[in-house]
Amino acid sequence: MLLDFLNQTKEKALDETNTFSNSIKDFISELQDYFNKPNINPILSKDSYYIDRFEKDWAVLINKRTRESYFISKDEFPKEVTDYDAIRIENKKYIIDN
């Protein structure tokens, strides 16, 4: 009897741990989806932008008209890009617009 109770309690604890672990995995998956979704990258827009700042491997790009911000991989920009550079999009590429 006691052994059955202990086994059931152990199984329940394992299920709760798996549920918690799955919740973390779900959250990570949602974050990955958010950062990979197409509308996070304004590559098809004709608006004007500027680089607000850099955060690790990301450039924070601000739409001058709407003030929306986008996290874009630094690899997408010319190597000489710096904070506050004006950016335009031409042929699906980010160009410094001086």
Protein backbone atom coordinates (compact mmCIF):
# COMPACT_ATOMS: atom_id res chain seq x y z
CA MET A 1 0.00 0.00 0.00
CA LEU A 2 2.62 2.53 1.07
CA LEU A 3 4.83 1.46 -1.81
CA ASP A 4 2.00 2.12 -4.29
CA PHE A 5 1.43 5.54 -2.77
CA LEU A 6 5.15 6.39 -3.04
CA ASN A 7 5.31 5.23 -6.65
CA GLN A 8 2.22 7.27 -7.54
CA THR A 9 3.68 10.34 -5.82
CA LYS A 10 6.98 9.87 -7.66
CA GLU A 11 5.17 9.55 -11.01
CA LYS A 12 3.12 12.66 -10.31
CA ALA A 13 6.26 14.63 -9.38
CA LEU A 14 7.95 13.50 -12.58
CA ASP A 15 4.91 14.53 -14.60
CA GLU A 16 4.93 17.98 -12.99
CA THR A 17 8.66 18.34 -13.67
CA ASN A 18 8.12 17.38 -17.30
CA THR A 19 5.27 19.87 -17.53
CA PHE A 20 7.55 22.61 -16.15
CA SER A 21 10.34 21.57 -18.52
CA ASN A 22 7.91 21.56 -21.43
CA SER A 23 6.71 25.04 -20.47
CA ILE A 24 10.27 26.32 -20.67
CA LYS A 25 10.77 24.59 -24.03
CA ASP A 26 7.50 26.12 -25.27
CA PHE A 27 8.62 29.58 -24.15
CA ILE A 28 11.98 29.22 -25.90
CA SER A 29 10.21 28.03 -29.02
CA GLU A 30 7.87 31.05 -28.92
CA LEU A 31 10.85 33.40 -28.59
CA GLN A 32 12.57 31.76 -31.54
CA ASP A 33 9.40 32.05 -33.59
CA TYR A 34 9.07 35.73 -32.66
CA PHE A 35 12.61 36.55 -33.72
CA ASN A 36 12.31 34.55 -36.92
CA LYS A 37 8.91 35.77 -38.06
CA PRO A 38 8.91 37.64 -41.36
CA ASN A 39 7.49 40.94 -40.13
CA ILE A 40 10.38 41.53 -37.77
CA ASN A 41 12.52 42.30 -40.81
CA PRO A 42 11.37 45.36 -42.80
CA ILE A 43 13.35 44.39 -45.91
CA LEU A 44 10.45 45.09 -48.29
CA SER A 45 9.52 48.47 -46.83
CA LYS A 46 10.23 51.78 -48.56
CA ASP A 47 10.41 53.70 -45.27
CA SER A 48 13.53 55.38 -43.88
CA TYR A 49 15.37 53.94 -40.91
CA TYR A 50 18.29 54.60 -38.63
CA ILE A 51 20.46 52.44 -36.40
CA ASP A 52 19.57 53.25 -32.81
CA ARG A 53 22.13 51.01 -31.13
CA PHE A 54 23.80 47.62 -31.15
CA GLU A 55 23.04 44.82 -28.71
CA LYS A 56 25.54 41.99 -29.02
CA ASP A 57 25.02 40.56 -32.54
CA TRP A 58 21.92 42.65 -33.24
CA ALA A 59 21.37 46.13 -34.61
CA VAL A 60 18.27 47.93 -33.38
CA LEU A 61 16.77 49.54 -36.46
CA ILE A 62 14.15 52.28 -35.99
CA ASN A 63 11.56 53.22 -38.59
CA LYS A 64 11.70 57.04 -38.79
CA ARG A 65 8.01 57.34 -39.69
CA THR A 66 6.36 54.82 -37.34
CA ARG A 67 9.06 54.63 -34.63
CA GLU A 68 8.78 50.82 -34.73
CA SER A 69 11.97 49.03 -33.79
CA TYR A 70 13.43 45.91 -35.38
CA PHE A 71 16.22 43.64 -34.25
CA ILE A 72 18.30 42.80 -37.31
CA SER A 73 21.46 40.71 -37.36
CA LYS A 74 24.55 42.92 -37.63
CA ASP A 75 25.69 40.66 -40.47
CA GLU A 76 22.92 42.15 -42.65
CA PHE A 77 24.57 45.60 -42.65
CA PRO A 78 27.76 46.96 -44.20
CA LYS A 79 30.73 46.46 -41.85
CA GLU A 80 31.25 50.23 -41.39
CA VAL A 81 27.74 50.89 -40.03
CA THR A 82 27.63 52.78 -36.71
CA ASP A 83 25.05 54.04 -34.22
CA TYR A 84 22.63 56.63 -35.67
CA ASP A 85 23.52 55.91 -39.29
CA ALA A 86 20.62 56.53 -41.66
CA ILE A 87 19.68 53.35 -43.49
CA ARG A 88 17.76 52.73 -46.69
CA ILE A 89 16.74 49.44 -48.20
CA GLU A 90 17.73 48.85 -51.79
CA ASN A 91 17.37 45.55 -53.65
CA LYS A 92 16.63 43.80 -50.34
CA LYS A 93 19.90 45.04 -48.82
CA TYR A 94 20.57 47.55 -46.06
CA ILE A 95 22.57 50.54 -47.34
CA ILE A 96 24.05 53.43 -45.35
CA ASP A 97 22.19 56.54 -46.51
CA ASN A 98 24.40 59.56 -45.84
